[in-house]
C-alpha atoms as a PDB file:
ATOM      1  CA  SER A   1      54.498   2.320 -24.296  1.00  0.00           C
ATOM      2  CA  GLU A   2      53.733  -0.265 -26.999  1.00  0.00           C
ATOM      3  CA  GLU A   3      56.181  -0.384 -29.727  1.00  0.00           C
ATOM      4  CA  GLU A   4      55.410  -1.886 -33.205  1.00  0.00           C
ATOM      5  CA  ALA A   5      58.731  -2.923 -35.266  1.00  0.00           C
ATOM      6  CA  ARG A   6      58.773  -2.335 -38.901  1.00  0.00           C
ATOM      7  CA  ASP A   7      57.915  -5.811 -39.681  1.00  0.00           C
ATOM      8  CA  GLY A   8      54.706  -5.631 -37.395  1.00  0.00           C
ATOM      9  CA  PHE A   9      55.984  -7.615 -34.636  1.00  0.00           C
ATOM     10  CA  LEU A  10      56.243  -6.089 -30.870  1.00  0.00           C
ATOM     11  CA  GLU A  11      59.382  -6.036 -29.652  1.00  0.00           C
ATOM     12  CA  GLU A  12      59.373  -4.648 -26.321  1.00  0.00           C
ATOM     13  CA  TYR A  13      57.479  -6.172 -23.319  1.00  0.00           C
ATOM     14  CA  ASP A  14      58.895  -4.159 -20.587  1.00  0.00           C
ATOM     15  CA  TYR A  15      59.929  -7.447 -18.499  1.00  0.00           C
ATOM     16  CA  GLU A  16      63.276  -8.979 -17.554  1.00  0.00           C
ATOM     17  CA  VAL A  17      62.990 -12.779 -16.750  1.00  0.00           C
ATOM     18  CA  SER A  18      65.234 -13.901 -13.777  1.00  0.00           C
ATOM     19  CA  ALA A  19      66.892 -17.224 -13.277  1.00  0.00           C
ATOM     20  CA  GLU A  20      64.398 -17.610 -10.345  1.00  0.00           C
ATOM     21  CA  ASP A  21      61.417 -16.609 -12.640  1.00  0.00           C
ATOM     22  CA  GLU A  22      62.651 -19.562 -14.964  1.00  0.00           C
ATOM     23  CA  ARG A  23      62.695 -21.853 -11.892  1.00  0.00           C
ATOM     24  CA  ILE A  24      59.552 -21.140 -10.390  1.00  0.00           C
ATOM     25  CA  LEU A  25      57.802 -21.733 -14.151  1.00  0.00           C
ATOM     26  CA  LYS A  26      59.250 -24.973 -14.593  1.00  0.00           C
ATOM     27  CA  THR A  27      57.687 -26.290 -11.574  1.00  0.00           C
ATOM     28  CA  PHE A  28      54.386 -25.965 -13.129  1.00  0.00           C
ATOM     29  CA  LEU A  29      55.353 -27.772 -16.459  1.00  0.00           C
ATOM     30  CA  ASP A  30      54.236 -31.086 -17.275  1.00  0.00           C
ATOM     31  CA  PRO A  31      57.353 -33.267 -18.226  1.00  0.00           C
ATOM     32  CA  ASN A  32      54.858 -35.509 -20.311  1.00  0.00           C
ATOM     33  CA  ALA A  33      53.152 -32.346 -21.836  1.00  0.00           C
ATOM     34  CA  GLU A  34      55.002 -32.529 -25.006  1.00  0.00           C
ATOM     35  CA  SER A  35      53.420 -35.999 -26.071  1.00  0.00           C
ATOM     36  CA  LYS A  36      49.934 -34.741 -25.679  1.00  0.00           C
ATOM     37  CA  SER A  37      48.203 -33.047 -28.306  1.00  0.00           C
ATOM     38  CA  THR A  38      46.212 -29.985 -28.000  1.00  0.00           C
ATOM     39  CA  ARG A  39      42.701 -29.946 -29.243  1.00  0.00           C
ATOM     40  CA  THR A  40      41.319 -27.161 -31.641  1.00  0.00           C
ATOM     41  CA  LEU A  41      38.167 -26.015 -33.241  1.00  0.00           C
ATOM     42  CA  ALA A  42      39.349 -27.800 -36.587  1.00  0.00           C
ATOM     43  CA  ASP A  43      39.570 -30.967 -34.390  1.00  0.00           C
ATOM     44  CA  ILE A  44      36.310 -30.652 -32.781  1.00  0.00           C
ATOM     45  CA  ILE A  45      34.702 -30.051 -35.673  1.00  0.00           C
ATOM     46  CA  GLU A  46      35.847 -32.356 -38.183  1.00  0.00           C
ATOM     47  CA  GLU A  47      34.898 -35.360 -35.378  1.00  0.00           C
ATOM     48  CA  LYS A  48      31.551 -33.849 -35.274  1.00  0.00           C
ATOM     49  CA  LEU A  49      31.255 -33.742 -38.951  1.00  0.00           C
ATOM     50  CA  ARG A  50      32.208 -37.244 -39.420  1.00  0.00           C
ATOM     51  CA  GLU A  51      29.923 -38.506 -37.108  1.00  0.00           C
ATOM     52  CA  ARG A  52      27.078 -37.626 -39.449  1.00  0.00           C
ATOM     53  CA  ASP A  53      25.893 -39.904 -42.159  1.00  0.00           C
ATOM     54  CA  LEU A  54      27.069 -39.517 -45.574  1.00  0.00           C
ATOM     55  CA  VAL A  55      30.411 -38.126 -44.524  1.00  0.00           C
ATOM     56  CA  GLN A  56      33.463 -39.587 -46.093  1.00  0.00           C
ATOM     57  CA  GLU A  57      36.235 -40.478 -43.761  1.00  0.00           C
ATOM     58  CA  ASP A  58      39.059 -38.450 -46.033  1.00  0.00           C
ATOM     59  CA  VAL A  59      37.002 -35.491 -47.023  1.00  0.00           C
ATOM     60  CA  ASP A  60      38.334 -32.136 -46.142  1.00  0.00           C
ATOM     61  CA  PHE A  61      35.256 -29.992 -45.859  1.00  0.00           C
ATOM     62  CA  ARG A  62      37.193 -26.757 -46.423  1.00  0.00           C
ATOM     63  CA  VAL A  63      37.924 -28.145 -50.048  1.00  0.00           C
ATOM     64  CA  ASP A  64      34.682 -29.920 -50.919  1.00  0.00           C
ATOM     65  CA  SER A  65      31.933 -27.650 -50.700  1.00  0.00           C
ATOM     66  CA  GLN A  66      29.309 -30.194 -51.516  1.00  0.00           C
ATOM     67  CA  GLN A  67      30.191 -32.483 -48.766  1.00  0.00           C
ATOM     68  CA  ALA A  68      30.709 -29.557 -46.591  1.00  0.00           C
ATOM     69  CA  ALA A  69      27.268 -28.652 -47.335  1.00  0.00           C
ATOM     70  CA  VAL A  70      25.723 -32.044 -46.294  1.00  0.00           C
ATOM     71  CA  ALA A  71      27.394 -32.388 -43.309  1.00  0.00           C
ATOM     72  CA  THR A  72      26.842 -28.783 -41.785  1.00  0.00           C
ATOM     73  CA  GLY A  73      23.256 -28.503 -43.093  1.00  0.00           C
ATOM     74  CA  LEU A  74      24.157 -25.353 -44.867  1.00  0.00           C
ATOM     75  CA  SER A  75      23.204 -24.864 -48.501  1.00  0.00           C
ATOM     76  CA  GLU A  76      26.450 -25.267 -50.735  1.00  0.00           C
ATOM     77  CA  LYS A  77      25.721 -21.485 -52.011  1.00  0.00           C
ATOM     78  CA  ALA A  78      26.625 -20.609 -48.278  1.00  0.00           C
ATOM     79  CA  VAL A  79      29.489 -23.012 -47.902  1.00  0.00           C
ATOM     80  CA  LEU A  80      30.857 -21.332 -51.099  1.00  0.00           C
ATOM     81  CA  VAL A  81      30.309 -17.864 -49.661  1.00  0.00           C
ATOM     82  CA  TYR A  82      32.213 -18.632 -46.341  1.00  0.00           C
ATOM     83  CA  LYS A  83      34.944 -20.304 -48.375  1.00  0.00           C
ATOM     84  CA  GLN A  84      35.244 -16.907 -50.293  1.00  0.00           C
ATOM     85  CA  VAL A  85      35.060 -15.166 -47.138  1.00  0.00           C
ATOM     86  CA  GLY A  86      37.900 -17.310 -45.741  1.00  0.00           C
ATOM     87  CA  SER A  87      40.168 -16.475 -48.939  1.00  0.00           C
ATOM     88  CA  PHE A  88      39.310 -12.701 -48.215  1.00  0.00           C
ATOM     89  CA  LEU A  89      40.485 -13.131 -44.782  1.00  0.00           C
ATOM     90  CA  GLN A  90      43.890 -14.773 -45.554  1.00  0.00           C
ATOM     91  CA  ARG A  91      44.728 -11.669 -47.754  1.00  0.00           C
ATOM     92  CA  TYR A  92      42.927  -9.045 -45.385  1.00  0.00           C
ATOM     93  CA  LYS A  93      45.276  -6.268 -43.917  1.00  0.00           C
ATOM     94  CA  SER A  94      43.047  -3.592 -42.892  1.00  0.00           C
ATOM     95  CA  GLY A  95      39.688  -1.965 -43.693  1.00  0.00           C
ATOM     96  CA  SER A  96      36.227  -3.312 -43.527  1.00  0.00           C
ATOM     97  CA  VAL A  97      35.493  -7.155 -43.465  1.00  0.00           C
ATOM     98  CA  PRO A  98      32.376  -8.631 -45.275  1.00  0.00           C
ATOM     99  CA  LYS A  99      28.968  -8.491 -43.465  1.00  0.00           C
ATOM    100  CA  ALA A 100      28.764 -12.196 -43.811  1.00  0.00           C
ATOM    101  CA  PHE A 101      31.834 -12.419 -41.491  1.00  0.00           C
ATOM    102  CA  LYS A 102      30.143  -9.900 -39.085  1.00  0.00           C
ATOM    103  CA  ILE A 103      26.897 -12.001 -38.669  1.00  0.00           C
ATOM    104  CA  ILE A 104      28.825 -15.328 -37.931  1.00  0.00           C
ATOM    105  CA  PRO A 105      28.755 -14.646 -34.250  1.00  0.00           C
ATOM    106  CA  ASN A 106      24.763 -14.626 -34.254  1.00  0.00           C
ATOM    107  CA  LEU A 107      24.600 -18.064 -35.747  1.00  0.00           C
ATOM    108  CA  SER A 108      24.233 -20.997 -33.912  1.00  0.00           C
ATOM    109  CA  ASN A 109      26.363 -23.032 -36.111  1.00  0.00           C
ATOM    110  CA  TRP A 110      29.173 -20.621 -36.000  1.00  0.00           C
ATOM    111  CA  GLU A 111      31.828 -22.817 -35.002  1.00  0.00           C
ATOM    112  CA  GLU A 112      31.182 -24.918 -38.217  1.00  0.00           C
ATOM    113  CA  ILE A 113      31.446 -22.038 -40.423  1.00  0.00           C
ATOM    114  CA  LEU A 114      34.595 -20.619 -38.778  1.00  0.00           C
ATOM    115  CA  TYR A 115      35.776 -23.896 -39.886  1.00  0.00           C
ATOM    116  CA  ILE A 116      34.934 -23.761 -43.416  1.00  0.00           C
ATOM    117  CA  THR A 117      36.634 -19.905 -43.737  1.00  0.00           C
ATOM    118  CA  ASP A 118      39.699 -22.277 -42.866  1.00  0.00           C
ATOM    119  CA  TYR A 119      40.604 -19.944 -39.902  1.00  0.00           C
ATOM    120  CA  GLY A 120      43.962 -21.441 -39.341  1.00  0.00           C
ATOM    121  CA  ASN A 121      44.975 -19.557 -42.271  1.00  0.00           C
ATOM    122  CA  TRP A 122      43.899 -15.742 -41.781  1.00  0.00           C
ATOM    123  CA  SER A 123      46.156 -13.108 -41.593  1.00  0.00           C
ATOM    124  CA  VAL A 124      47.157 -11.965 -37.834  1.00  0.00           C
ATOM    125  CA  HIS A 125      45.135  -8.793 -38.785  1.00  0.00           C
ATOM    126  CA  ALA A 126      41.985 -10.781 -39.649  1.00  0.00           C
ATOM    127  CA  MET A 127      42.323 -12.596 -36.284  1.00  0.00           C
ATOM    128  CA  TYR A 128      42.423  -9.216 -34.688  1.00  0.00           C
ATOM    129  CA  GLN A 129      39.099  -8.262 -36.298  1.00  0.00           C
ATOM    130  CA  ALA A 130      37.579 -11.540 -35.364  1.00  0.00           C
ATOM    131  CA  THR A 131      38.430 -11.482 -31.877  1.00  0.00           C
ATOM    132  CA  ARG A 132      37.080  -7.852 -31.816  1.00  0.00           C
ATOM    133  CA  ILE A 133      33.919  -8.879 -33.184  1.00  0.00           C
ATOM    134  CA  PHE A 134      33.368 -12.254 -31.282  1.00  0.00           C
ATOM    135  CA  ALA A 135      34.223 -10.646 -28.300  1.00  0.00           C
ATOM    136  CA  SER A 136      31.566  -8.145 -28.670  1.00  0.00           C
ATOM    137  CA  ASN A 137      28.743 -10.555 -29.658  1.00  0.00           C
ATOM    138  CA  LEU A 138      29.365 -13.786 -28.254  1.00  0.00           C
ATOM    139  CA  ASN A 139      28.230 -14.543 -24.731  1.00  0.00           C
ATOM    140  CA  ALA A 140      30.954 -15.023 -22.116  1.00  0.00           C
ATOM    141  CA  LYS A 141      30.394 -19.168 -22.672  1.00  0.00           C
ATOM    142  CA  MET A 142      31.069 -18.800 -26.426  1.00  0.00           C
ATOM    143  CA  ALA A 143      33.412 -16.571 -26.279  1.00  0.00           C
ATOM    144  CA  GLN A 144      35.517 -18.792 -23.609  1.00  0.00           C
ATOM    145  CA  ARG A 145      35.295 -21.427 -26.576  1.00  0.00           C
ATOM    146  CA  PHE A 146      36.520 -18.890 -29.166  1.00  0.00           C
ATOM    147  CA  TYR A 147      39.515 -17.847 -27.203  1.00  0.00           C
ATOM    148  CA  SER A 148      40.696 -21.484 -26.357  1.00  0.00           C
ATOM    149  CA  LEU A 149      39.870 -23.165 -29.331  1.00  0.00           C
ATOM    150  CA  VAL A 150      40.987 -20.311 -31.976  1.00  0.00           C
ATOM    151  CA  LEU A 151      42.645 -17.371 -30.412  1.00  0.00           C
ATOM    152  CA  LEU A 152      45.045 -19.510 -27.972  1.00  0.00           C
ATOM    153  CA  PRO A 153      46.460 -21.578 -30.365  1.00  0.00           C
ATOM    154  CA  ARG A 154      47.111 -19.033 -33.136  1.00  0.00           C
ATOM    155  CA  VAL A 155      49.000 -16.752 -30.604  1.00  0.00           C
ATOM    156  CA  ARG A 156      51.299 -19.905 -29.293  1.00  0.00           C
ATOM    157  CA  GLU A 157      51.775 -21.209 -32.827  1.00  0.00           C
ATOM    158  CA  GLU A 158      52.869 -17.355 -33.829  1.00  0.00           C
ATOM    159  CA  ILE A 159      54.997 -17.250 -30.593  1.00  0.00           C
ATOM    160  CA  TRP A 160      57.029 -20.662 -31.060  1.00  0.00           C
ATOM    161  CA  ALA A 161      57.373 -19.984 -34.993  1.00  0.00           C
ATOM    162  CA  ASN A 162      58.725 -16.258 -34.424  1.00  0.00           C
ATOM    163  CA  LYS A 163      59.977 -16.042 -30.998  1.00  0.00           C
ATOM    164  CA  LYS A 164      57.933 -12.954 -30.681  1.00  0.00           C
ATOM    165  CA  LEU A 165      54.375 -12.083 -31.155  1.00  0.00           C
ATOM    166  CA  HIS A 166      52.907  -9.893 -33.911  1.00  0.00           C
ATOM    167  CA  PHE A 167      51.451  -6.617 -32.711  1.00  0.00           C
ATOM    168  CA  ALA A 168      48.031  -7.527 -34.291  1.00  0.00           C
ATOM    169  CA  LEU A 169      47.802 -10.812 -32.206  1.00  0.00           C
ATOM    170  CA  PHE A 170      48.868  -8.602 -29.032  1.00  0.00           C
ATOM    171  CA  GLN A 171      46.154  -6.418 -29.583  1.00  0.00           C
ATOM    172  CA  ALA A 172      43.805  -9.349 -30.003  1.00  0.00           C
ATOM    173  CA  LEU A 173      44.447 -10.496 -26.717  1.00  0.00           C
ATOM    174  CA  LYS A 174      43.936  -6.949 -25.130  1.00  0.00           C
ATOM    175  CA  LYS A 175      40.629  -7.048 -26.851  1.00  0.00           C
ATOM    176  CA  ALA A 176      39.791 -10.440 -25.531  1.00  0.00           C
ATOM    177  CA  ALA A 177      39.657  -8.910 -22.067  1.00  0.00           C
ATOM    178  CA  TYR A 178      36.404  -7.525 -23.121  1.00  0.00           C
ATOM    179  CA  LYS A 179      34.977 -10.469 -21.625  1.00  0.00           C
ATOM    180  CA  PRO A 180      37.165 -10.950 -18.430  1.00  0.00           C
ATOM    181  CA  GLY A 181      35.795 -14.101 -17.347  1.00  0.00           C
ATOM    182  CA  ALA A 182      36.136 -15.665 -20.749  1.00  0.00           C
ATOM    183  CA  PHE A 183      39.822 -14.114 -20.686  1.00  0.00           C
ATOM    184  CA  PHE A 184      40.803 -15.836 -18.003  1.00  0.00           C
ATOM    185  CA  LYS A 185      39.044 -19.364 -18.617  1.00  0.00           C
ATOM    186  CA  GLY A 186      39.554 -19.311 -22.225  1.00  0.00           C
ATOM    187  CA  LEU A 187      43.309 -17.932 -22.401  1.00  0.00           C
ATOM    188  CA  LEU A 188      44.859 -18.079 -19.012  1.00  0.00           C
ATOM    189  CA  LEU A 189      44.061 -21.056 -17.372  1.00  0.00           C
ATOM    190  CA  PRO A 190      44.069 -23.349 -20.398  1.00  0.00           C
ATOM    191  CA  LEU A 191      47.676 -21.787 -21.086  1.00  0.00           C
ATOM    192  CA  CYS A 192      48.734 -22.708 -17.359  1.00  0.00           C
ATOM    193  CA  GLN A 193      47.180 -26.027 -17.589  1.00  0.00           C
ATOM    194  CA  SER A 194      48.546 -26.941 -20.730  1.00  0.00           C
ATOM    195  CA  GLY A 195      52.085 -27.553 -18.811  1.00  0.00           C
ATOM    196  CA  THR A 196      53.830 -26.374 -21.725  1.00  0.00           C
ATOM    197  CA  CYS A 197      53.769 -22.600 -21.098  1.00  0.00           C
ATOM    198  CA  THR A 198      57.253 -21.224 -22.199  1.00  0.00           C
ATOM    199  CA  VAL A 199      59.206 -18.329 -20.217  1.00  0.00           C
ATOM    200  CA  LEU A 200      58.342 -16.236 -23.192  1.00  0.00           C
ATOM    201  CA  GLU A 201      54.470 -17.109 -23.539  1.00  0.00           C
ATOM    202  CA  ALA A 202      54.305 -16.103 -19.644  1.00  0.00           C
ATOM    203  CA  VAL A 203      56.041 -12.980 -20.147  1.00  0.00           C
ATOM    204  CA  ILE A 204      54.093 -11.757 -23.278  1.00  0.00           C
ATOM    205  CA  PHE A 205      50.807 -12.570 -21.351  1.00  0.00           C
ATOM    206  CA  SER A 206      52.055 -10.831 -18.609  1.00  0.00           C
ATOM    207  CA  ALA A 207      52.576  -7.747 -20.832  1.00  0.00           C
ATOM    208  CA  VAL A 208      49.007  -8.236 -21.732  1.00  0.00           C
ATOM    209  CA  ILE A 209      47.763  -8.215 -18.423  1.00  0.00           C
ATOM    210  CA  ASN A 210      49.835  -5.000 -17.637  1.00  0.00           C
ATOM    211  CA  ARG A 211      48.213  -3.343 -20.170  1.00  0.00           C
ATOM    212  CA  ILE A 212      44.560  -3.972 -19.434  1.00  0.00           C
ATOM    213  CA  SER A 213      41.849  -3.270 -16.822  1.00  0.00           C
ATOM    214  CA  ILE A 214      40.323  -6.387 -15.233  1.00  0.00           C
ATOM    215  CA  PRO A 215      37.441  -6.170 -12.621  1.00  0.00           C
ATOM    216  CA  VAL A 216      38.450  -7.072  -9.166  1.00  0.00           C
ATOM    217  CA  LEU A 217      35.995  -9.904  -8.930  1.00  0.00           C
ATOM    218  CA  HIS A 218      37.945 -11.640 -11.590  1.00  0.00           C
ATOM    219  CA  SER A 219      41.463 -10.616 -10.858  1.00  0.00           C
ATOM    220  CA  SER A 220      41.076 -12.206  -7.328  1.00  0.00           C
ATOM    221  CA  ALA A 221      39.601 -15.086  -8.431  1.00  0.00           C
END
């Protein structure tokens, strides 16, 4: 069974890693991967916004509401609303989330709106709620983008920083399997292709897979 520690971190993964397992994993690592940067949603959105006219190079759109409105085509009022949503999500622990947040997956510019909310600073509990909402409401292709550009970087960042994964993010990974194709293409494949997957990351993702049901079509791919 899954055990949640007092501080919210999942302590038991029910896996032991042998020396042979470590040796095999190292054969998949890229010796030059340390120098390679991983693109996130924020990187892509910043690049996209700065390609547009009237946008200054040194502007942080998450701070400057007027410039964010010009760049995204949203009203300044809408930008302010989603900045407030982002502030709420940084403190979120439990309960309902704002309706303005729930409708984001239905918007064509959902990626830019997520950027405005400063998703990198959401609480782990907010990231779980976001994964639950996006997995249910995005199509497989868009869910894959959310997984690879938002969820995966956050999960890896937490593992690197804490040497373990918070229970809420573990649950988010399980919830991501609601879209099995996106789960493989947006999480597992990018992790393996990064060339920097650690033994602990492999153990944690294996524990997730062990706790979910994956359709035969996807598990045999």
